[in-house]
Structures are given as C-alpha cells and as structure tokens.
PDB file of N, CA and C in Angstrom:
ATOM      1  N   MET A   1      -3.977 101.569  14.822  1.00  0.00           N
ATOM      2  CA  MET A   1      -3.060 102.456  14.128  1.00  0.00           C
ATOM      3  C   MET A   1      -1.775 102.542  14.953  1.00  0.00           C
ATOM      4  N   SER A   2      -0.648 102.348  14.300  1.00  0.00           N
ATOM      5  CA  SER A   2       0.619 102.413  15.019  1.00  0.00           C
ATOM      6  C   SER A   2       0.998 103.856  15.298  1.00  0.00           C
ATOM      7  N   CYS A   3       1.955 104.010  16.214  1.00  0.00           N
ATOM      8  CA  CYS A   3       2.392 105.364  16.586  1.00  0.00           C
ATOM      9  C   CYS A   3       3.040 106.077  15.405  1.00  0.00           C
ATOM     10  N   ALA A   4       3.814 105.351  14.612  1.00  0.00           N
ATOM     11  CA  ALA A   4       4.481 105.985  13.478  1.00  0.00           C
ATOM     12  C   ALA A   4       3.470 106.484  12.464  1.00  0.00           C
ATOM     13  N   ARG A   5       2.437 105.720  12.233  1.00  0.00           N
ATOM     14  CA  ARG A   5       1.418 106.130  11.269  1.00  0.00           C
ATOM     15  C   ARG A   5       0.606 107.299  11.806  1.00  0.00           C
ATOM     16  N   ALA A   6       0.337 107.322  13.100  1.00  0.00           N
ATOM     17  CA  ALA A   6      -0.409 108.434  13.694  1.00  0.00           C
ATOM     18  C   ALA A   6       0.394 109.720  13.637  1.00  0.00           C
ATOM     19  N   ARG A   7       1.707 109.616  13.783  1.00  0.00           N
ATOM     20  CA  ARG A   7       2.552 110.805  13.709  1.00  0.00           C
ATOM     21  C   ARG A   7       2.487 111.448  12.333  1.00  0.00           C
ATOM     22  N   TRP A   8       2.530 110.656  11.290  1.00  0.00           N
ATOM     23  CA  TRP A   8       2.584 111.211   9.943  1.00  0.00           C
ATOM     24  C   TRP A   8       1.214 111.566   9.402  1.00  0.00           C
ATOM     25  N   SER A   9       0.168 110.968   9.901  1.00  0.00           N
ATOM     26  CA  SER A   9      -1.162 111.249   9.357  1.00  0.00           C
ATOM     27  C   SER A   9      -1.801 112.465   9.998  1.00  0.00           C
ATOM     28  N   GLY A  10      -1.183 113.028  11.022  1.00  0.00           N
ATOM     29  CA  GLY A  10      -1.757 114.201  11.664  1.00  0.00           C
ATOM     30  C   GLY A  10      -2.919 113.843  12.579  1.00  0.00           C
ATOM     31  N   GLY A  11      -3.022 112.606  12.975  1.00  0.00           N
ATOM     32  CA  GLY A  11      -4.107 112.172  13.845  1.00  0.00           C
ATOM     33  C   GLY A  11      -3.888 112.606  15.279  1.00  0.00           C
ATOM     34  N   SER A  12      -4.657 112.040  16.160  1.00  0.00           N
ATOM     35  CA  SER A  12      -4.583 112.439  17.569  1.00  0.00           C
ATOM     36  C   SER A  12      -3.347 111.890  18.257  1.00  0.00           C
ATOM     37  N   GLY A  13      -2.569 111.082  17.574  1.00  0.00           N
ATOM     38  CA  GLY A  13      -1.389 110.491  18.176  1.00  0.00           C
ATOM     39  C   GLY A  13      -0.125 111.307  17.984  1.00  0.00           C
ATOM     40  N   VAL A  14      -0.235 112.578  17.673  1.00  0.00           N
ATOM     41  CA  VAL A  14       0.953 113.413  17.491  1.00  0.00           C
ATOM     42  C   VAL A  14       1.531 113.688  18.860  1.00  0.00           C
ATOM     43  N   TRP A  15       2.630 113.040  19.173  1.00  0.00           N
ATOM     44  CA  TRP A  15       3.156 113.127  20.535  1.00  0.00           C
ATOM     45  C   TRP A  15       4.475 113.863  20.605  1.00  0.00           C
ATOM     46  N   GLY A  16       5.090 114.239  19.496  1.00  0.00           N
ATOM     47  CA  GLY A  16       6.390 114.871  19.549  1.00  0.00           C
ATOM     48  C   GLY A  16       6.399 116.345  19.218  1.00  0.00           C
ATOM     49  N   SER A  17       5.277 116.900  18.813  1.00  0.00           N
ATOM     50  CA  SER A  17       5.290 118.279  18.328  1.00  0.00           C
ATOM     51  C   SER A  17       5.540 119.283  19.450  1.00  0.00           C
ATOM     52  N   ASN A  18       4.936 119.094  20.621  1.00  0.00           N
ATOM     53  CA  ASN A  18       5.158 120.029  21.722  1.00  0.00           C
ATOM     54  C   ASN A  18       6.587 119.958  22.225  1.00  0.00           C
ATOM     55  N   ALA A  19       7.155 118.776  22.292  1.00  0.00           N
ATOM     56  CA  ALA A  19       8.541 118.642  22.730  1.00  0.00           C
ATOM     57  C   ALA A  19       9.483 119.314  21.740  1.00  0.00           C
ATOM     58  N   MET A  20       9.187 119.209  20.460  1.00  0.00           N
ATOM     59  CA  MET A  20      10.034 119.849  19.451  1.00  0.00           C
ATOM     60  C   MET A  20       9.919 121.366  19.526  1.00  0.00           C
ATOM     61  N   LEU A  21       8.724 121.888  19.766  1.00  0.00           N
ATOM     62  CA  LEU A  21       8.555 123.328  19.913  1.00  0.00           C
ATOM     63  C   LEU A  21       9.287 123.850  21.148  1.00  0.00           C
ATOM     64  N   ILE A  22       9.226 123.105  22.234  1.00  0.00           N
ATOM     65  CA  ILE A  22       9.925 123.514  23.453  1.00  0.00           C
ATOM     66  C   ILE A  22      11.440 123.480  23.226  1.00  0.00           C
ATOM     67  N   ALA A  23      11.918 122.473  22.506  1.00  0.00           N
ATOM     68  CA  ALA A  23      13.349 122.412  22.189  1.00  0.00           C
ATOM     69  C   ALA A  23      13.757 123.590  21.304  1.00  0.00           C
ATOM     70  N   ALA A  24      12.914 123.968  20.361  1.00  0.00           N
ATOM     71  CA  ALA A  24      13.218 125.118  19.501  1.00  0.00           C
ATOM     72  C   ALA A  24      13.223 126.411  20.305  1.00  0.00           C
ATOM     73  N   ILE A  25      12.293 126.543  21.250  1.00  0.00           N
ATOM     74  CA  ILE A  25      12.252 127.735  22.101  1.00  0.00           C
ATOM     75  C   ILE A  25      13.515 127.833  22.957  1.00  0.00           C
ATOM     76  N   ILE A  26      13.945 126.711  23.502  1.00  0.00           N
ATOM     77  CA  ILE A  26      15.166 126.706  24.308  1.00  0.00           C
ATOM     78  C   ILE A  26      16.379 127.063  23.448  1.00  0.00           C
ATOM     79  N   ALA A  27      16.441 126.536  22.228  1.00  0.00           N
ATOM     80  CA  ALA A  27      17.561 126.845  21.336  1.00  0.00           C
ATOM     81  C   ALA A  27      17.569 128.330  20.976  1.00  0.00           C
ATOM     82  N   VAL A  28      16.399 128.903  20.722  1.00  0.00           N
ATOM     83  CA  VAL A  28      16.327 130.329  20.400  1.00  0.00           C
ATOM     84  C   VAL A  28      16.744 131.168  21.605  1.00  0.00           C
ATOM     85  N   MET A  29      16.345 130.755  22.805  1.00  0.00           N
ATOM     86  CA  MET A  29      16.731 131.499  24.002  1.00  0.00           C
ATOM     87  C   MET A  29      18.246 131.450  24.227  1.00  0.00           C
ATOM     88  N   VAL A  30      18.871 130.309  23.943  1.00  0.00           N
ATOM     89  CA  VAL A  30      20.325 130.207  24.076  1.00  0.00           C
ATOM     90  C   VAL A  30      21.010 131.146  23.089  1.00  0.00           C
ATOM     91  N   THR A  31      20.529 131.189  21.849  1.00  0.00           N
ATOM     92  CA  THR A  31      21.144 132.093  20.876  1.00  0.00           C
ATOM     93  C   THR A  31      20.862 133.554  21.222  1.00  0.00           C
ATOM     94  N   MET A  32      19.743 133.826  21.885  1.00  0.00           N
ATOM     95  CA  MET A  32      19.466 135.193  22.337  1.00  0.00           C
ATOM     96  C   MET A  32      20.460 135.614  23.416  1.00  0.00           C
ATOM     97  N   ILE A  33      20.786 134.704  24.305  1.00  0.00           N
ATOM     98  CA  ILE A  33      21.771 135.000  25.347  1.00  0.00           C
ATOM     99  C   ILE A  33      23.138 135.267  24.720  1.00  0.00           C
ATOM    100  N   LEU A  34      23.501 134.464  23.717  1.00  0.00           N
ATOM    101  CA  LEU A  34      24.780 134.677  23.046  1.00  0.00           C
ATOM    102  C   LEU A  34      24.801 136.013  22.302  1.00  0.00           C
ATOM    103  N   ALA A  35      23.690 136.396  21.684  1.00  0.00           N
ATOM    104  CA  ALA A  35      23.622 137.689  20.997  1.00  0.00           C
ATOM    105  C   ALA A  35      23.694 138.835  21.998  1.00  0.00           C
ATOM    106  N   LEU A  36      23.086 138.655  23.163  1.00  0.00           N
ATOM    107  CA  LEU A  36      23.149 139.688  24.196  1.00  0.00           C
ATOM    108  C   LEU A  36      24.573 139.855  24.719  1.00  0.00           C
ATOM    109  N   ILE A  37      25.279 138.760  24.891  1.00  0.00           N
ATOM    110  CA  ILE A  37      26.682 138.833  25.316  1.00  0.00           C
ATOM    111  C   ILE A  37      27.513 139.556  24.254  1.00  0.00           C
ATOM    112  N   ARG A  38      27.244 139.249  22.989  1.00  0.00           N
ATOM    113  CA  ARG A  38      27.975 139.921  21.912  1.00  0.00           C
ATOM    114  C   ARG A  38      27.653 141.412  21.872  1.00  0.00           C
ATOM    115  N   ALA A  39      26.414 141.770  22.186  1.00  0.00           N
ATOM    116  CA  ALA A  39      26.041 143.185  22.205  1.00  0.00           C
ATOM    117  C   ALA A  39      26.733 143.922  23.345  1.00  0.00           C
ATOM    118  N   LEU A  40      26.999 143.245  24.428  1.00  0.00           N
ATOM    119  CA  LEU A  40      27.652 143.895  25.569  1.00  0.00           C
ATOM    120  C   LEU A  40      29.165 144.022  25.388  1.00  0.00           C
ATOM    121  N   ILE A  41      29.816 143.045  24.750  1.00  0.00           N
ATOM    122  CA  ILE A  41      31.275 143.070  24.649  1.00  0.00           C
ATOM    123  C   ILE A  41      31.777 143.302  23.237  1.00  0.00           C
ATOM    124  N   GLY A  42      30.903 143.704  22.326  1.00  0.00           N
ATOM    125  CA  GLY A  42      31.322 143.912  20.942  1.00  0.00           C
ATOM    126  C   GLY A  42      32.417 144.945  20.833  1.00  0.00           C
ATOM    127  N   PRO A  43      33.403 144.727  19.975  1.00  0.00           N
ATOM    128  CA  PRO A  43      34.512 145.677  19.895  1.00  0.00           C
ATOM    129  C   PRO A  43      34.115 147.018  19.270  1.00  0.00           C
ATOM    130  N   THR A  44      33.170 147.027  18.347  1.00  0.00           N
ATOM    131  CA  THR A  44      32.740 148.283  17.734  1.00  0.00           C
ATOM    132  C   THR A  44      31.239 148.451  17.908  1.00  0.00           C
ATOM    133  N   GLU A  45      30.779 149.674  17.657  1.00  0.00           N
ATOM    134  CA  GLU A  45      29.343 149.908  17.798  1.00  0.00           C
ATOM    135  C   GLU A  45      28.551 149.208  16.708  1.00  0.00           C
ATOM    136  N   TYR A  46      29.176 148.934  15.574  1.00  0.00           N
ATOM    137  CA  TYR A  46      28.487 148.213  14.510  1.00  0.00           C
ATOM    138  C   TYR A  46      28.264 146.747  14.887  1.00  0.00           C
ATOM    139  N   ASP A  47      29.247 146.147  15.552  1.00  0.00           N
ATOM    140  CA  ASP A  47      29.068 144.786  16.052  1.00  0.00           C
ATOM    141  C   ASP A  47      27.954 144.742  17.095  1.00  0.00           C
ATOM    142  N   ARG A  48      27.918 145.736  17.948  1.00  0.00           N
ATOM    143  CA  ARG A  48      26.875 145.792  18.966  1.00  0.00           C
ATOM    144  C   ARG A  48      25.503 145.985  18.347  1.00  0.00           C
ATOM    145  N   MET A  49      25.419 146.821  17.322  1.00  0.00           N
ATOM    146  CA  MET A  49      24.136 147.048  16.665  1.00  0.00           C
ATOM    147  C   MET A  49      23.678 145.805  15.927  1.00  0.00           C
ATOM    148  N   LEU A  50      24.601 145.101  15.296  1.00  0.00           N
ATOM    149  CA  LEU A  50      24.257 143.864  14.619  1.00  0.00           C
ATOM    150  C   LEU A  50      23.759 142.816  15.619  1.00  0.00           C
ATOM    151  N   ALA A  51      24.399 142.737  16.772  1.00  0.00           N
ATOM    152  CA  ALA A  51      23.954 141.799  17.802  1.00  0.00           C
ATOM    153  C   ALA A  51      22.586 142.193  18.353  1.00  0.00           C
ATOM    154  N   ALA A  52      22.343 143.495  18.518  1.00  0.00           N
ATOM    155  CA  ALA A  52      21.033 143.940  19.005  1.00  0.00           C
ATOM    156  C   ALA A  52      19.945 143.653  17.971  1.00  0.00           C
ATOM    157  N   ASN A  53      20.262 143.834  16.698  1.00  0.00           N
ATOM    158  CA  ASN A  53      19.293 143.513  15.651  1.00  0.00           C
ATOM    159  C   ASN A  53      19.024 142.010  15.614  1.00  0.00           C
ATOM    160  N   SER A  54      20.058 141.220  15.780  1.00  0.00           N
ATOM    161  CA  SER A  54      19.890 139.770  15.830  1.00  0.00           C
ATOM    162  C   SER A  54      19.046 139.356  17.033  1.00  0.00           C
ATOM    163  N   PHE A  55      19.256 140.028  18.172  1.00  0.00           N
ATOM    164  CA  PHE A  55      18.450 139.756  19.360  1.00  0.00           C
ATOM    165  C   PHE A  55      16.979 140.069  19.090  1.00  0.00           C
ATOM    166  N   GLY A  56      16.717 141.179  18.405  1.00  0.00           N
ATOM    167  CA  GLY A  56      15.340 141.529  18.074  1.00  0.00           C
ATOM    168  C   GLY A  56      14.705 140.536  17.121  1.00  0.00           C
ATOM    169  N   THR A  57      15.472 140.061  16.155  1.00  0.00           N
ATOM    170  CA  THR A  57      14.953 139.071  15.215  1.00  0.00           C
ATOM    171  C   THR A  57      14.630 137.765  15.928  1.00  0.00           C
ATOM    172  N   LYS A  58      15.485 137.367  16.843  1.00  0.00           N
ATOM    173  CA  LYS A  58      15.237 136.147  17.608  1.00  0.00           C
ATOM    174  C   LYS A  58      14.045 136.317  18.551  1.00  0.00           C
ATOM    175  N   THR A  59      13.812 137.540  19.015  1.00  0.00           N
ATOM    176  CA  THR A  59      12.634 137.802  19.839  1.00  0.00           C
ATOM    177  C   THR A  59      11.357 137.613  19.022  1.00  0.00           C
ATOM    178  N   VAL A  60      11.378 138.053  17.774  1.00  0.00           N
ATOM    179  CA  VAL A  60      10.230 137.842  16.890  1.00  0.00           C
ATOM    180  C   VAL A  60       9.969 136.349  16.722  1.00  0.00           C
ATOM    181  N   LEU A  61      11.029 135.587  16.516  1.00  0.00           N
ATOM    182  CA  LEU A  61      10.892 134.137  16.379  1.00  0.00           C
ATOM    183  C   LEU A  61      10.379 133.502  17.663  1.00  0.00           C
ATOM    184  N   LEU A  62      10.852 133.974  18.799  1.00  0.00           N
ATOM    185  CA  LEU A  62      10.403 133.448  20.081  1.00  0.00           C
ATOM    186  C   LEU A  62       8.916 133.736  20.307  1.00  0.00           C
ATOM    187  N   ILE A  63       8.462 134.936  19.960  1.00  0.00           N
ATOM    188  CA  ILE A  63       7.047 135.274  20.099  1.00  0.00           C
ATOM    189  C   ILE A  63       6.200 134.377  19.195  1.00  0.00           C
ATOM    190  N   ALA A  64       6.654 134.157  17.968  1.00  0.00           N
ATOM    191  CA  ALA A  64       5.899 133.313  17.044  1.00  0.00           C
ATOM    192  C   ALA A  64       5.859 131.858  17.520  1.00  0.00           C
ATOM    193  N   LEU A  65       6.985 131.342  18.008  1.00  0.00           N
ATOM    194  CA  LEU A  65       7.008 129.961  18.514  1.00  0.00           C
ATOM    195  C   LEU A  65       6.137 129.803  19.752  1.00  0.00           C
ATOM    196  N   GLY A  66       6.221 130.776  20.665  1.00  0.00           N
ATOM    197  CA  GLY A  66       5.389 130.710  21.863  1.00  0.00           C
ATOM    198  C   GLY A  66       3.909 130.792  21.545  1.00  0.00           C
ATOM    199  N   GLY A  67       3.551 131.643  20.595  1.00  0.00           N
ATOM    200  CA  GLY A  67       2.152 131.735  20.178  1.00  0.00           C
ATOM    201  C   GLY A  67       1.660 130.456  19.539  1.00  0.00           C
ATOM    202  N   HIS A  68       2.521 129.812  18.752  1.00  0.00           N
ATOM    203  CA  HIS A  68       2.127 128.541  18.146  1.00  0.00           C
ATOM    204  C   HIS A  68       2.002 127.439  19.193  1.00  0.00           C
ATOM    205  N   LEU A  69       2.914 127.447  20.159  1.00  0.00           N
ATOM    206  CA  LEU A  69       2.863 126.432  21.211  1.00  0.00           C
ATOM    207  C   LEU A  69       1.599 126.569  22.048  1.00  0.00           C
ATOM    208  N   LEU A  70       1.190 127.806  22.327  1.00  0.00           N
ATOM    209  CA  LEU A  70       0.002 128.047  23.137  1.00  0.00           C
ATOM    210  C   LEU A  70      -1.282 128.119  22.321  1.00  0.00           C
ATOM    211  N   SER A  71      -1.166 127.977  21.004  1.00  0.00           N
ATOM    212  CA  SER A  71      -2.302 128.057  20.073  1.00  0.00           C
ATOM    213  C   SER A  71      -2.986 129.410  20.130  1.00  0.00           C
ATOM    214  N   TRP A  72      -2.205 130.454  20.308  1.00  0.00           N
ATOM    215  CA  TRP A  72      -2.707 131.830  20.255  1.00  0.00           C
ATOM    216  C   TRP A  72      -2.199 132.425  18.954  1.00  0.00           C
ATOM    217  N   HIS A  73      -3.024 132.359  17.930  1.00  0.00           N
ATOM    218  CA  HIS A  73      -2.576 132.751  16.602  1.00  0.00           C
ATOM    219  C   HIS A  73      -2.463 134.262  16.448  1.00  0.00           C
ATOM    220  N   SER A  74      -3.021 135.012  17.368  1.00  0.00           N
ATOM    221  CA  SER A  74      -2.874 136.468  17.299  1.00  0.00           C
ATOM    222  C   SER A  74      -1.463 136.906  17.691  1.00  0.00           C
ATOM    223  N   PHE A  75      -0.677 136.028  18.267  1.00  0.00           N
ATOM    224  CA  PHE A  75       0.716 136.359  18.589  1.00  0.00           C
ATOM    225  C   PHE A  75       1.534 136.586  17.332  1.00  0.00           C
ATOM    226  N   LEU A  76       1.106 136.027  16.198  1.00  0.00           N
ATOM    227  CA  LEU A  76       1.819 136.261  14.953  1.00  0.00           C
ATOM    228  C   LEU A  76       1.724 137.726  14.549  1.00  0.00           C
ATOM    229  N   ASP A  77       0.572 138.350  14.796  1.00  0.00           N
ATOM    230  CA  ASP A  77       0.431 139.782  14.527  1.00  0.00           C
ATOM    231  C   ASP A  77       1.359 140.596  15.427  1.00  0.00           C
ATOM    232  N   VAL A  78       1.469 140.199  16.681  1.00  0.00           N
ATOM    233  CA  VAL A  78       2.368 140.883  17.607  1.00  0.00           C
ATOM    234  C   VAL A  78       3.815 140.714  17.156  1.00  0.00           C
ATOM    235  N   ALA A  79       4.167 139.522  16.697  1.00  0.00           N
ATOM    236  CA  ALA A  79       5.529 139.272  16.224  1.00  0.00           C
ATOM    237  C   ALA A  79       5.847 140.120  14.993  1.00  0.00           C
ATOM    238  N   LEU A  80       4.895 140.237  14.077  1.00  0.00           N
ATOM    239  CA  LEU A  80       5.125 141.064  12.891  1.00  0.00           C
ATOM    240  C   LEU A  80       5.252 142.538  13.253  1.00  0.00           C
ATOM    241  N   LEU A  81       4.471 142.996  14.199  1.00  0.00           N
ATOM    242  CA  LEU A  81       4.575 144.385  14.652  1.00  0.00           C
ATOM    243  C   LEU A  81       5.929 144.630  15.322  1.00  0.00           C
ATOM    244  N   TYR A  82       6.385 143.689  16.129  1.00  0.00           N
ATOM    245  CA  TYR A  82       7.690 143.822  16.769  1.00  0.00           C
ATOM    246  C   TYR A  82       8.805 143.805  15.727  1.00  0.00           C
ATOM    247  N   ALA A  83       8.656 142.999  14.675  1.00  0.00           N
ATOM    248  CA  ALA A  83       9.663 142.976  13.610  1.00  0.00           C
ATOM    249  C   ALA A  83       9.740 144.328  12.910  1.00  0.00           C
ATOM    250  N   LEU A  84       8.596 144.967  12.700  1.00  0.00           N
ATOM    251  CA  LEU A  84       8.582 146.279  12.072  1.00  0.00           C
ATOM    252  C   LEU A  84       9.265 147.321  12.956  1.00  0.00           C
ATOM    253  N   VAL A  85       8.965 147.290  14.254  1.00  0.00           N
ATOM    254  CA  VAL A  85       9.593 148.221  15.191  1.00  0.00           C
ATOM    255  C   VAL A  85      11.099 147.967  15.265  1.00  0.00           C
ATOM    256  N   ASN A  86      11.510 146.715  15.257  1.00  0.00           N
ATOM    257  CA  ASN A  86      12.921 146.360  15.286  1.00  0.00           C
ATOM    258  C   ASN A  86      13.628 146.891  14.039  1.00  0.00           C
ATOM    259  N   PHE A  87      13.018 146.758  12.886  1.00  0.00           N
ATOM    260  CA  PHE A  87      13.615 147.232  11.642  1.00  0.00           C
ATOM    261  C   PHE A  87      13.758 148.755  11.648  1.00  0.00           C
ATOM    262  N   VAL A  88      12.712 149.463  12.021  1.00  0.00           N
ATOM    263  CA  VAL A  88      12.755 150.924  12.043  1.00  0.00           C
ATOM    264  C   VAL A  88      13.772 151.412  13.075  1.00  0.00           C
ATOM    265  N   GLY A  89      13.823 150.761  14.229  1.00  0.00           N
ATOM    266  CA  GLY A  89      14.798 151.129  15.251  1.00  0.00           C
ATOM    267  C   GLY A  89      16.228 150.916  14.789  1.00  0.00           C
ATOM    268  N   THR A  90      16.471 149.820  14.089  1.00  0.00           N
ATOM    269  CA  THR A  90      17.811 149.553  13.573  1.00  0.00           C
ATOM    270  C   THR A  90      18.226 150.608  12.554  1.00  0.00           C
ATOM    271  N   ILE A  91      17.321 150.973  11.662  1.00  0.00           N
ATOM    272  CA  ILE A  91      17.629 152.006  10.667  1.00  0.00           C
ATOM    273  C   ILE A  91      17.909 153.336  11.361  1.00  0.00           C
ATOM    274  N   ALA A  92      17.117 153.679  12.376  1.00  0.00           N
ATOM    275  CA  ALA A  92      17.309 154.952  13.087  1.00  0.00           C
ATOM    276  C   ALA A  92      18.660 154.997  13.794  1.00  0.00           C
ATOM    277  N   VAL A  93      19.044 153.926  14.462  1.00  0.00           N
ATOM    278  CA  VAL A  93      20.319 153.909  15.180  1.00  0.00           C
ATOM    279  C   VAL A  93      21.490 153.931  14.198  1.00  0.00           C
ATOM    280  N   MET A  94      21.372 153.226  13.088  1.00  0.00           N
ATOM    281  CA  MET A  94      22.456 153.243  12.106  1.00  0.00           C
ATOM    282  C   MET A  94      22.596 154.616  11.459  1.00  0.00           C
ATOM    283  N   ARG A  95      21.494 155.325  11.254  1.00  0.00           N
ATOM    284  CA  ARG A  95      21.573 156.708  10.752  1.00  0.00           C
ATOM    285  C   ARG A  95      22.265 157.604  11.777  1.00  0.00           C
ATOM    286  N   PHE A  96      21.992 157.367  13.060  1.00  0.00           N
ATOM    287  CA  PHE A  96      22.653 158.138  14.108  1.00  0.00           C
ATOM    288  C   PHE A  96      24.157 157.915  14.069  1.00  0.00           C
ATOM    289  N   PHE A  97      24.586 156.652  13.923  1.00  0.00           N
ATOM    290  CA  PHE A  97      26.015 156.352  13.853  1.00  0.00           C
ATOM    291  C   PHE A  97      26.644 156.946  12.590  1.00  0.00           C
ATOM    292  N   GLU A  98      25.875 157.035  11.517  1.00  0.00           N
ATOM    293  CA  GLU A  98      26.418 157.536  10.264  1.00  0.00           C
ATOM    294  C   GLU A  98      26.686 159.040  10.320  1.00  0.00           C
ATOM    295  N   TYR A  99      25.808 159.804  10.944  1.00  0.00           N
ATOM    296  CA  TYR A  99      25.904 161.258  10.899  1.00  0.00           C
ATOM    297  C   TYR A  99      26.491 161.905  12.147  1.00  0.00           C
ATOM    298  N   ARG A 100      26.846 161.136  13.151  1.00  0.00           N
ATOM    299  CA  ARG A 100      27.419 161.760  14.344  1.00  0.00           C
ATOM    300  C   ARG A 100      28.880 162.102  14.105  1.00  0.00           C
ATOM    301  N   THR A 101      29.369 163.064  14.880  1.00  0.00           N
ATOM    302  CA  THR A 101      30.780 163.429  14.776  1.00  0.00           C
ATOM    303  C   THR A 101      31.596 162.484  15.636  1.00  0.00           C
ATOM    304  N   PRO A 102      32.784 162.073  15.153  1.00  0.00           N
ATOM    305  CA  PRO A 102      33.596 161.146  15.953  1.00  0.00           C
ATOM    306  C   PRO A 102      34.117 161.826  17.228  1.00  0.00           C
ATOM    307  N   ALA A 103      34.389 161.024  18.221  1.00  0.00           N
ATOM    308  CA  ALA A 103      34.945 161.529  19.482  1.00  0.00           C
ATOM    309  C   ALA A 103      36.373 162.008  19.244  1.00  0.00           C
ATOM    310  N   ASP A 104      36.935 162.710  20.240  1.00  0.00           N
ATOM    311  CA  ASP A 104      38.269 163.295  20.091  1.00  0.00           C
ATOM    312  C   ASP A 104      39.343 162.257  19.783  1.00  0.00           C
ATOM    313  N   GLY A 105      39.328 161.126  20.486  1.00  0.00           N
ATOM    314  CA  GLY A 105      40.360 160.122  20.304  1.00  0.00           C
ATOM    315  C   GLY A 105      40.029 159.091  19.245  1.00  0.00           C
ATOM    316  N   ASP A 106      38.878 159.198  18.611  1.00  0.00           N
ATOM    317  CA  ASP A 106      38.451 158.187  17.645  1.00  0.00           C
ATOM    318  C   ASP A 106      39.040 158.506  16.274  1.00  0.00           C
ATOM    319  N   THR A 107      39.875 157.614  15.751  1.00  0.00           N
ATOM    320  CA  THR A 107      40.489 157.839  14.440  1.00  0.00           C
ATOM    321  C   THR A 107      39.849 156.989  13.356  1.00  0.00           C
ATOM    322  N   ALA A 108      38.859 156.162  13.698  1.00  0.00           N
ATOM    323  CA  ALA A 108      38.222 155.306  12.710  1.00  0.00           C
ATOM    324  C   ALA A 108      37.351 156.162  11.790  1.00  0.00           C
ATOM    325  N   GLN A 109      37.313 155.792  10.542  1.00  0.00           N
ATOM    326  CA  GLN A 109      36.521 156.549   9.570  1.00  0.00           C
ATOM    327  C   GLN A 109      35.136 155.988   9.468  1.00  0.00           C
TER     328      GLN A 109
END
C-alpha cells in the first residue's frame, strides 16, 4: 500500500495528522497572543472586551485541539464548560459597562 493510499484510507500509515494538529495549535496560540495585545492596548473598553471574548473563544479551541491531540475526549466537556463560562462572563461585563455611570471627563455616550 502506498503512502498516499494509506493517508486517505485511514489506515496505520496516517503520518501527517499530528503535525497538522500541532500546526493548528501553534496558529491558535499566535492569534491568542494577538488578541491579548489587543485587549491590553484597545482604545475603548468595548474593543478590550471583544478581544477578551475572542481570547476566551480561542482558549476553548485550544483545549479541544489539545484534547484531540492527546486522545483525551473528556477535554471536549471541559472546553464546552469553559465556553459557557466565557459567554456568561462576557454578558455580565457588558451589562456592567451598559449600566455604569460615565467618569467625569468621559463624554462618550
């Protein structure tokens, strides 16, 4: 059986899947760093909150990819739980921004 045929048939010759998962994990980590930088230097609190939410979403993806790479399928449950906490936290912080009183020098509506 040739290598190309083993790759597509799902046989024991699958040699690129771990490298692709590691490349995806590295790409997600790079985008997490960029989202963290955006959260630190964002011009408004809404930009910062959007970057923090994006960081949380990428963390869910990272947990799921790592669990798949290590063949720990229970990590998907952890990723879903983290996604729920991330969603509730985002809603809570946005409600805080909506109902707080603006600072003395803040003229934005």
